[in-house]
Protein backbone atom coordinates (compact mmCIF):
# COMPACT_ATOMS: atom_id res chain seq x y z
CA UNK A 1 165.37 -67.83 21.68
CA UNK A 2 163.20 -70.06 24.04
CA UNK A 3 159.44 -70.17 24.53
CA UNK A 4 159.94 -68.74 28.02
CA UNK A 5 161.60 -65.62 26.52
CA UNK A 6 158.38 -64.92 24.62
CA UNK A 7 156.59 -64.33 27.94
CA UNK A 8 154.34 -67.42 27.87
CA UNK A 9 152.86 -68.91 31.05
CA UNK A 10 155.20 -71.36 32.82
CA UNK A 11 152.60 -74.19 32.40
CA UNK A 12 152.78 -73.78 28.69
CA UNK A 13 156.52 -73.52 28.57
CA UNK A 14 156.80 -76.84 30.58
CA UNK A 15 154.19 -78.40 28.23
CA UNK A 16 155.99 -77.61 24.91
CA UNK A 17 159.37 -78.54 26.50
CA UNK A 18 157.89 -82.00 27.56
CA UNK A 19 156.93 -82.51 23.92
CA UNK A 20 160.43 -81.83 22.63
CA UNK A 21 159.92 -78.36 21.33
CA UNK A 22 163.06 -76.45 22.49
CA UNK A 23 162.68 -73.21 20.50
CA UNK A 24 159.84 -71.46 18.64
CA UNK A 25 159.61 -71.46 14.77
CA UNK A 26 159.94 -68.12 12.92
CA UNK A 27 156.16 -67.61 12.64
CA UNK A 28 155.87 -68.35 16.40
CA UNK A 29 158.62 -65.77 17.27
CA UNK A 30 156.88 -63.08 15.33
CA UNK A 31 153.20 -63.81 16.11
CA UNK A 32 153.20 -64.84 19.80
CA UNK A 33 154.48 -61.49 21.21
CA UNK A 34 152.23 -59.47 18.90
CA UNK A 35 149.10 -61.45 19.95
CA UNK A 36 150.03 -61.16 23.59
CA UNK A 37 149.96 -57.32 23.07
CA UNK A 38 146.34 -57.67 21.96
CA UNK A 39 146.97 -56.58 18.35
CA UNK A 40 145.10 -57.97 15.41
CA UNK A 41 147.28 -60.15 13.20
CA UNK A 42 147.42 -61.25 9.63
CA UNK A 43 150.02 -64.05 9.50
CA UNK A 44 151.24 -66.09 6.61
CA UNK A 45 153.86 -68.82 6.60
CA UNK A 46 154.49 -72.14 4.81
CA UNK A 47 152.27 -74.95 5.93
CA UNK A 48 153.85 -77.28 8.58
CA UNK A 49 155.72 -74.45 10.29
CA UNK A 50 153.89 -74.28 13.43
CA UNK A 51 151.02 -71.77 12.65
CA UNK A 52 148.49 -73.43 14.99
CA UNK A 53 150.76 -73.11 18.07
CA UNK A 54 151.42 -69.54 17.00
CA UNK A 55 147.87 -68.58 17.88
CA UNK A 56 147.01 -71.41 20.32
CA UNK A 57 149.76 -70.69 22.81
CA UNK A 58 149.04 -66.95 23.32
CA UNK A 59 145.29 -67.68 23.60
CA UNK A 60 145.86 -70.28 26.27
CA UNK A 61 148.30 -67.95 27.98
CA UNK A 62 145.63 -65.33 28.44
CA UNK A 63 143.12 -67.78 29.76
CA UNK A 64 145.63 -69.11 32.29
CA UNK A 65 146.51 -65.57 33.45
CA UNK A 66 142.79 -64.85 33.87
CA UNK A 67 142.33 -68.10 35.72
CA UNK A 68 145.14 -67.07 38.09
CA UNK A 69 143.47 -63.77 38.75
CA UNK A 70 140.11 -65.36 39.40
CA UNK A 71 141.57 -67.60 42.03
CA UNK A 72 142.66 -64.57 44.08
CA UNK A 73 139.23 -62.82 43.60
CA UNK A 74 135.87 -63.29 45.27
CA UNK A 75 134.44 -63.93 41.78
CA UNK A 76 136.67 -66.95 41.18
CA UNK A 77 134.13 -69.62 42.32
CA UNK A 78 131.32 -68.07 40.30
CA UNK A 79 133.48 -67.79 37.14
CA UNK A 80 134.22 -71.59 37.37
CA UNK A 81 130.55 -72.58 37.47
CA UNK A 82 129.92 -71.36 33.95
CA UNK A 83 132.64 -70.87 31.42
CA UNK A 84 131.96 -68.49 28.55
CA UNK A 85 133.56 -68.96 25.25
CA UNK A 86 136.57 -66.75 25.27
CA UNK A 87 138.23 -67.74 21.91
CA UNK A 88 136.60 -68.97 18.67
CA UNK A 89 138.64 -70.66 15.91
CA UNK A 90 136.86 -71.00 12.53
CA UNK A 91 138.20 -73.74 10.22
CA UNK A 92 137.00 -74.51 6.74
CA UNK A 93 137.10 -78.41 7.06
CA UNK A 94 136.31 -81.04 9.62
CA UNK A 95 139.81 -82.38 9.45
CA UNK A 96 141.43 -79.04 10.08
CA UNK A 97 139.02 -78.36 13.00
CA UNK A 98 139.99 -81.74 14.57
CA UNK A 99 143.65 -80.94 14.09
CA UNK A 100 143.34 -77.55 15.69
CA UNK A 101 141.33 -79.04 18.66
CA UNK A 102 144.08 -81.69 19.25
CA UNK A 103 146.67 -78.84 19.47
CA UNK A 104 144.62 -76.91 22.01
CA UNK A 105 143.93 -80.03 24.01
CA UNK A 106 147.65 -80.99 23.97
CA UNK A 107 148.94 -77.56 25.03
CA UNK A 108 146.41 -77.21 27.79
CA UNK A 109 146.99 -80.55 29.52
CA UNK A 110 147.46 -80.23 33.18
CA UNK A 111 145.08 -77.19 33.37
CA UNK A 112 141.36 -76.82 33.86
CA UNK A 113 140.91 -75.06 30.49
CA UNK A 114 138.25 -76.71 28.23
CA UNK A 115 138.31 -76.85 24.46
CA UNK A 116 135.43 -78.17 22.34
CA UNK A 117 135.31 -78.88 18.57
CA UNK A 118 132.12 -78.81 16.56
CA UNK A 119 131.61 -79.69 12.91
CA UNK A 120 128.97 -81.05 10.56
CA UNK A 121 128.68 -84.63 9.35
CA UNK A 122 128.62 -85.91 12.87
CA UNK A 123 126.00 -86.25 15.61
CA UNK A 124 125.32 -82.86 17.20
CA UNK A 125 124.24 -84.24 20.63
CA UNK A 126 127.84 -85.19 21.92
CA UNK A 127 128.94 -81.74 20.83
CA UNK A 128 126.12 -80.10 22.73
CA UNK A 129 126.98 -82.13 25.84
CA UNK A 130 130.57 -80.97 25.61
CA UNK A 131 129.49 -77.36 25.31
CA UNK A 132 127.21 -77.74 28.35
CA UNK A 133 130.24 -78.84 30.50
CA UNK A 134 131.94 -75.44 29.84
CA UNK A 135 134.01 -74.14 27.03
CA UNK A 136 136.93 -71.71 26.98
CA UNK A 137 138.01 -72.31 23.42
CA UNK A 138 135.61 -73.32 20.65
CA UNK A 139 136.91 -74.67 17.39
CA UNK A 140 134.18 -74.86 14.72
CA UNK A 141 133.31 -75.19 11.07
CA UNK A 142 130.96 -72.39 10.03
CA UNK A 143 127.89 -74.41 9.18
CA UNK A 144 127.72 -76.35 12.41
CA UNK A 145 128.36 -73.25 14.45
CA UNK A 146 125.49 -71.40 12.86
CA UNK A 147 123.27 -74.30 13.56
CA UNK A 148 124.16 -74.16 17.21
CA UNK A 149 123.74 -70.38 17.33
CA UNK A 150 120.31 -70.46 15.66
CA UNK A 151 119.15 -73.02 18.29
CA UNK A 152 120.60 -70.85 21.10
CA UNK A 153 122.82 -73.74 22.13
CA UNK A 154 126.03 -71.68 22.32
CA UNK A 155 126.59 -68.04 23.12
CA UNK A 156 129.47 -65.96 22.02
CA UNK A 157 128.73 -62.67 23.80
CA UNK A 158 131.85 -63.09 25.94
CA UNK A 159 134.21 -63.66 23.00
CA UNK A 160 137.63 -61.99 23.22
CA UNK A 161 139.48 -63.50 20.29
CA UNK A 162 138.38 -64.66 16.79
CA UNK A 163 140.70 -66.78 14.65
CA UNK A 164 140.14 -67.50 11.02
CA UNK A 165 142.42 -70.46 10.22
CA UNK A 166 143.10 -70.91 6.49
CA UNK A 167 141.18 -67.73 5.84
CA UNK A 168 141.67 -67.93 2.04
CA UNK A 169 140.14 -71.37 1.99
CA UNK A 170 137.16 -69.96 3.71
CA UNK A 171 136.47 -67.62 0.81
CA UNK A 172 137.25 -70.33 -1.79
CA UNK A 173 134.55 -72.62 -0.27
CA UNK A 174 131.97 -69.85 -0.11
CA UNK A 175 131.85 -69.38 3.66
CA UNK A 176 131.80 -65.49 3.51
CA UNK A 177 128.06 -65.28 3.98
CA UNK A 178 128.17 -67.68 6.99
CA UNK A 179 131.12 -65.72 8.45
CA UNK A 180 129.19 -62.47 8.13
CA UNK A 181 126.22 -64.07 9.92
CA UNK A 182 128.51 -65.32 12.73
CA UNK A 183 130.00 -61.86 13.14
CA UNK A 184 126.61 -60.44 14.11
CA UNK A 185 126.67 -62.83 17.12
CA UNK A 186 130.03 -61.78 18.52
CA UNK A 187 131.34 -58.62 20.14
CA UNK A 188 132.61 -55.94 17.81
CA UNK A 189 135.34 -55.18 20.29
CA UNK A 190 137.66 -58.21 20.08
CA UNK A 191 140.99 -59.34 18.74
CA UNK A 192 140.85 -60.86 15.25
CA UNK A 193 143.56 -63.09 13.80
CA UNK A 194 143.97 -64.31 10.21
CA UNK A 195 146.30 -67.29 9.58
CA UNK A 196 147.04 -68.91 6.30
CA UNK A 197 149.74 -70.33 4.12
CA UNK A 198 148.57 -68.25 1.18
CA UNK A 199 147.22 -64.78 0.82
CA UNK A 200 145.33 -63.31 -2.16
CA UNK A 201 143.69 -60.01 -2.87
CA UNK A 202 140.26 -61.16 -1.64
CA UNK A 203 141.82 -62.00 1.76
CA UNK A 204 143.37 -58.48 1.92
CA UNK A 205 140.06 -56.93 1.05
CA UNK A 206 138.28 -58.98 3.75
CA UNK A 207 140.87 -58.09 6.28
CA UNK A 208 140.13 -54.40 5.86
CA UNK A 209 136.53 -55.12 7.03
CA UNK A 210 137.25 -57.36 9.92
CA UNK A 211 140.71 -56.37 11.39
CA UNK A 212 141.65 -53.34 13.18
CA UNK A 213 145.14 -51.96 12.22
CA UNK A 214 146.53 -55.49 11.89
CA UNK A 215 150.20 -56.41 11.91
CA UNK A 216 151.06 -58.29 8.73
CA UNK A 217 153.49 -61.12 9.51
CA UNK A 218 155.13 -63.03 6.65
CA UNK A 219 158.20 -65.04 7.59
CA UNK A 220 158.64 -66.46 4.08
CA UNK A 221 158.07 -65.20 0.59
CA UNK A 222 154.32 -64.85 0.04
CA UNK A 223 152.67 -67.99 -1.33
CA UNK A 224 155.98 -69.94 -1.15
CA UNK A 225 156.16 -73.74 -1.07
CA UNK A 226 157.88 -75.64 1.64
CA UNK A 227 161.64 -75.39 1.15
CA UNK A 228 162.36 -79.02 1.77
CA UNK A 229 159.78 -80.46 -0.50
CA UNK A 230 161.24 -81.67 -3.84
CA UNK A 231 158.80 -81.00 -6.68
CA UNK A 232 158.67 -83.05 -9.84
CA UNK A 233 156.37 -82.75 -12.84
CA UNK A 234 155.68 -85.55 -15.20
CA UNK A 235 154.03 -84.88 -18.56
CA UNK A 236 151.72 -87.81 -19.25
CA UNK A 237 148.53 -88.56 -21.15
CA UNK A 238 145.39 -88.61 -19.00
CA UNK A 239 144.65 -92.30 -19.70
CA UNK A 240 148.20 -93.23 -18.59
CA UNK A 241 148.15 -91.40 -15.20
CA UNK A 242 146.81 -94.26 -13.07
CA UNK A 243 149.29 -96.68 -14.62
CA UNK A 244 152.20 -94.43 -14.06
CA UNK A 245 151.06 -93.75 -10.45
CA UNK A 246 150.77 -97.53 -9.64
CA UNK A 247 154.15 -98.15 -11.23
CA UNK A 248 155.91 -95.43 -9.17
CA UNK A 249 154.43 -96.66 -5.88
CA UNK A 250 155.18 -100.28 -6.66
CA UNK A 251 158.62 -99.99 -8.28
CA UNK A 252 159.90 -97.49 -5.64
CA UNK A 253 158.29 -99.33 -2.72
CA UNK A 254 156.43 -96.24 -1.38
CA UNK A 255 154.47 -97.16 1.66
CA UNK A 256 152.46 -94.01 2.48
CA UNK A 257 151.25 -91.97 -0.39
CA UNK A 258 148.66 -89.16 -0.38
CA UNK A 259 147.12 -88.59 -3.75
CA UNK A 260 144.89 -85.59 -4.84
CA UNK A 261 142.07 -85.50 -7.37
CA UNK A 262 139.76 -82.68 -8.27
CA UNK A 263 136.37 -84.50 -7.81
CA UNK A 264 134.78 -87.01 -5.52
CA UNK A 265 133.94 -89.30 -8.39
CA UNK A 266 137.50 -89.14 -9.63
CA UNK A 267 138.81 -90.08 -6.16
CA UNK A 268 136.55 -93.11 -5.97
CA UNK A 269 137.40 -94.25 -9.55
CA UNK A 270 141.12 -93.84 -9.03
CA UNK A 271 141.00 -95.77 -5.73
CA UNK A 272 139.24 -98.68 -7.40
CA UNK A 273 141.65 -98.64 -10.28
CA UNK A 274 144.72 -98.83 -7.97
CA UNK A 275 143.12 -101.58 -5.93
CA UNK A 276 143.05 -103.55 -9.18
CA UNK A 277 146.75 -103.08 -9.36
CA UNK A 278 147.17 -104.64 -5.97
CA UNK A 279 147.74 -101.46 -3.95
CA UNK A 280 145.80 -101.06 -0.80
CA UNK A 281 143.95 -97.71 -1.55
CA UNK A 282 141.01 -95.87 0.01
CA UNK A 283 139.33 -92.54 -0.94
CA UNK A 284 138.36 -89.70 1.21
CA UNK A 285 136.09 -86.83 0.40
CA UNK A 286 133.08 -84.77 1.45
CA UNK A 287 130.49 -87.45 0.49
CA UNK A 288 132.09 -89.76 3.14
CA UNK A 289 130.54 -89.80 6.68
CA UNK A 290 132.74 -88.44 9.42
CA UNK A 291 133.04 -91.98 10.89
CA UNK A 292 134.13 -93.33 7.58
CA UNK A 293 136.63 -90.59 7.08
CA UNK A 294 138.13 -91.04 10.59
CA UNK A 295 138.53 -94.80 9.98
CA UNK A 296 140.27 -94.34 6.63
CA UNK A 297 142.63 -91.76 8.11
CA UNK A 298 143.39 -94.06 11.10
CA UNK A 299 144.12 -96.97 8.75
CA UNK A 300 146.32 -94.74 6.56
CA UNK A 301 148.35 -93.52 9.52
CA UNK A 302 148.72 -97.11 10.85
CA UNK A 303 150.00 -98.30 7.51
CA UNK A 304 147.03 -100.53 6.76
CA UNK A 305 146.20 -98.34 3.76
CA UNK A 306 149.15 -97.68 1.47
CA UNK A 307 147.64 -95.00 -0.67
CA UNK A 308 145.00 -92.47 0.25
CA UNK A 309 143.13 -90.61 -2.59
CA UNK A 310 141.64 -87.29 -1.38
CA UNK A 311 139.96 -84.24 -2.81
CA UNK A 312 140.94 -80.75 -1.71
CA UNK A 313 138.59 -81.07 1.32
CA UNK A 314 141.62 -82.92 2.78
CA UNK A 315 144.29 -80.57 1.55
CA UNK A 316 144.16 -78.48 4.70
CA UNK A 317 143.90 -80.22 8.07
CA UNK A 318 145.54 -83.54 7.31
CA UNK A 319 148.52 -83.82 9.72
CA UNK A 320 150.31 -87.10 9.14
CA UNK A 321 153.65 -87.44 10.82
CA UNK A 322 156.59 -88.06 8.48
CA UNK A 323 154.48 -88.28 5.33
CA UNK A 324 157.04 -88.43 2.43
CA UNK A 325 154.98 -88.56 -0.71
CA UNK A 326 152.26 -86.41 -2.16
CA UNK A 327 151.02 -86.82 -5.68
CA UNK A 328 148.83 -84.50 -7.75
CA UNK A 329 146.93 -86.91 -9.95
CA UNK A 330 145.18 -83.86 -11.20
CA UNK A 331 146.26 -80.26 -10.81
CA UNK A 332 143.78 -78.07 -8.79
CA UNK A 333 141.84 -75.38 -10.55
CA UNK A 334 142.82 -73.01 -7.75
CA UNK A 335 146.56 -72.50 -7.76
CA UNK A 336 146.70 -71.75 -4.01
CA UNK A 337 145.47 -75.26 -3.35
CA UNK A 338 148.72 -76.63 -4.83
CA UNK A 339 150.67 -75.10 -2.04
CA UNK A 340 148.35 -76.62 0.59
CA UNK A 341 148.37 -80.10 -1.12
CA UNK A 342 152.14 -80.52 -1.25
CA UNK A 343 152.36 -78.87 2.23
CA UNK A 344 151.04 -82.21 3.65
CA UNK A 345 154.63 -83.48 3.29
CA UNK A 346 157.89 -81.72 4.36
CA UNK A 347 156.29 -80.76 7.66
CA UNK A 348 158.28 -79.54 10.61
CA UNK A 349 161.44 -79.18 8.60
CA UNK A 350 161.41 -82.79 7.29
CA UNK A 351 162.09 -83.58 3.61
CA UNK A 352 159.36 -84.62 1.24
CA UNK A 353 158.58 -85.44 -2.47
CA UNK A 354 155.68 -83.90 -4.41
CA UNK A 355 154.89 -85.27 -7.87
CA UNK A 356 152.44 -83.81 -10.27
CA UNK A 357 151.08 -85.80 -13.22
CA UNK A 358 150.15 -83.22 -15.90
CA UNK A 359 148.23 -83.85 -19.09
CA UNK A 360 148.42 -81.62 -22.09
CA UNK A 361 144.95 -80.15 -21.06
CA UNK A 362 146.29 -79.09 -17.69
CA UNK A 363 149.28 -77.03 -18.95
CA UNK A 364 147.34 -73.74 -18.27
CA UNK A 365 146.83 -74.83 -14.71
CA UNK A 366 150.60 -75.51 -14.35
CA UNK A 367 151.17 -71.95 -15.67
CA UNK A 368 149.00 -70.51 -12.90
CA UNK A 369 150.89 -72.42 -10.26
CA UNK A 370 154.31 -71.25 -11.66
CA UNK A 371 153.03 -67.64 -11.58
CA UNK A 372 151.83 -67.99 -7.93
CA UNK A 373 154.88 -69.68 -6.42
CA UNK A 374 157.37 -67.78 -8.68
CA UNK A 375 158.98 -71.00 -9.87
CA UNK A 376 159.42 -72.55 -13.33
CA UNK A 377 158.99 -76.31 -13.47
CA UNK A 378 160.65 -78.55 -16.02
CA UNK A 379 158.15 -81.25 -16.98
CA UNK A 380 159.80 -84.68 -17.61
CA UNK A 381 158.83 -87.69 -19.56
CA UNK A 382 158.90 -90.97 -17.61
CA UNK A 383 160.26 -93.84 -19.61
CA UNK A 384 157.51 -96.11 -20.77
CA UNK A 385 154.79 -93.49 -20.16
CA UNK A 386 155.77 -90.85 -22.69
CA UNK A 387 152.83 -88.69 -23.94
CA UNK A 388 151.53 -89.44 -27.55
CA UNK A 389 152.37 -86.22 -29.41
CA UNK A 390 150.08 -87.21 -32.28
CA UNK A 391 147.02 -87.03 -30.27
CA UNK A 392 147.84 -84.08 -27.91
CA UNK A 393 145.54 -81.22 -28.08
CA UNK A 394 146.50 -77.63 -28.31
CA UNK A 395 146.60 -77.37 -24.64
CA UNK A 396 148.02 -74.03 -23.75
CA UNK A 397 144.68 -72.38 -24.33
CA UNK A 398 142.35 -72.08 -21.59
CA UNK A 399 138.97 -73.97 -21.99
CA UNK A 400 135.97 -71.67 -23.03
CA UNK A 401 134.26 -69.94 -20.13
CA UNK A 402 130.73 -70.90 -19.04
CA UNK A 403 129.53 -67.58 -20.55
CA UNK A 404 130.97 -68.44 -23.97
CA UNK A 405 129.58 -71.98 -23.93
CA UNK A 406 126.13 -70.68 -22.96
CA UNK A 407 126.25 -68.03 -25.77
CA UNK A 408 127.15 -70.75 -28.37
CA UNK A 409 124.47 -73.00 -27.14
CA UNK A 410 121.93 -70.23 -27.65
CA UNK A 411 123.31 -69.42 -31.05
CA UNK A 412 124.59 -65.98 -30.00
CA UNK A 413 127.86 -64.47 -30.90
CA UNK A 414 130.37 -63.44 -28.26
CA UNK A 415 132.48 -60.25 -28.56
CA UNK A 416 135.49 -62.42 -29.45
CA UNK A 417 133.49 -64.10 -32.30
CA UNK A 418 132.46 -60.83 -33.86
CA UNK A 419 134.38 -59.30 -36.70
CA UNK A 420 136.02 -55.99 -35.90
CA UNK A 421 134.04 -53.00 -37.00
CA UNK A 422 135.33 -50.77 -39.69
CA UNK A 423 136.21 -47.31 -38.67
CA UNK A 424 133.56 -44.83 -39.90
CA UNK A 425 134.66 -41.75 -41.66
């Protein structure tokens, strides 16, 4: 099957062909024809399989068709004076928003279509200037978009298509209230598209309120990991993790390694520790300015930074060509984030290696990941970094909940602490 057989505009077919894409991926084969039929879509596929193009190409196709119609009508000149936002793509992070924008800009080269990206953490003035020049497709993070809407700097009354990219992450990051406020500013009659690598019950519940008779497209087993990513798990004490990580990078001569931690402080501390070991390392997280994040990513892609330590803010949106190595220095609390983390490697069908360093206290998190992906990992011991069994905690138990800790701090009993009542006769 070719892109031309999907019914796409000839300009788009020529553009993807010039970039070396000869045939659509499975998610593109399923999603593009459905979107062109104006149906709502809920699509899931492994990360790195071309999800962005699966919604970008049909959106651009429609805009090009409308442009062709305008050129043959008396309204054509008027329509070109002011371009209304026709499509809105909401993304949870700046990095993902930038990545989506680059895809739209690439696929629309050689046309008059305008795409604009807006996100927080950067000056708003250049973004306003870009909007004022006309915008067909707007890619935005929810917070910055709301700021623009409140100041009446952008209007969405002509919107035809709404896309929630990485919809599950939107909910994880608490964007549901922002999304609901944005929905009051856009037409109720529209096409709505959900795209993500993972789906959970919250997403299905949200889809019932936002989508109209959507077609569910899943080209892989739900919540599956990339098939060409080899996954290894090393059981290691927490205080030995950084040492093992530096040893792996140095002894195996890895040149481009993406490392994930759970917290910003942990990312900074690990980066400093690895720098002491002689490994050029930088950290990237939400406290960094957009300029600093862009510089670090640029240096990492150029090979000037050997190891990049990131929080989950970078798990979705980082698109680094031919990245081979991803390391979970700490497992994520949200099992779905594991899929997105390791999905930074093995992209576009390439092979990759994902290593997780798991302490005894994280075994319950590993259990959650195994349940989600339907796989059973076999943790290994790395010679020289074997865990100390004498000091290992009973780790298979989950830590006490905040409710339990609060009750104990107040000197109150929880239901689990109370002795069972005797049956009254």
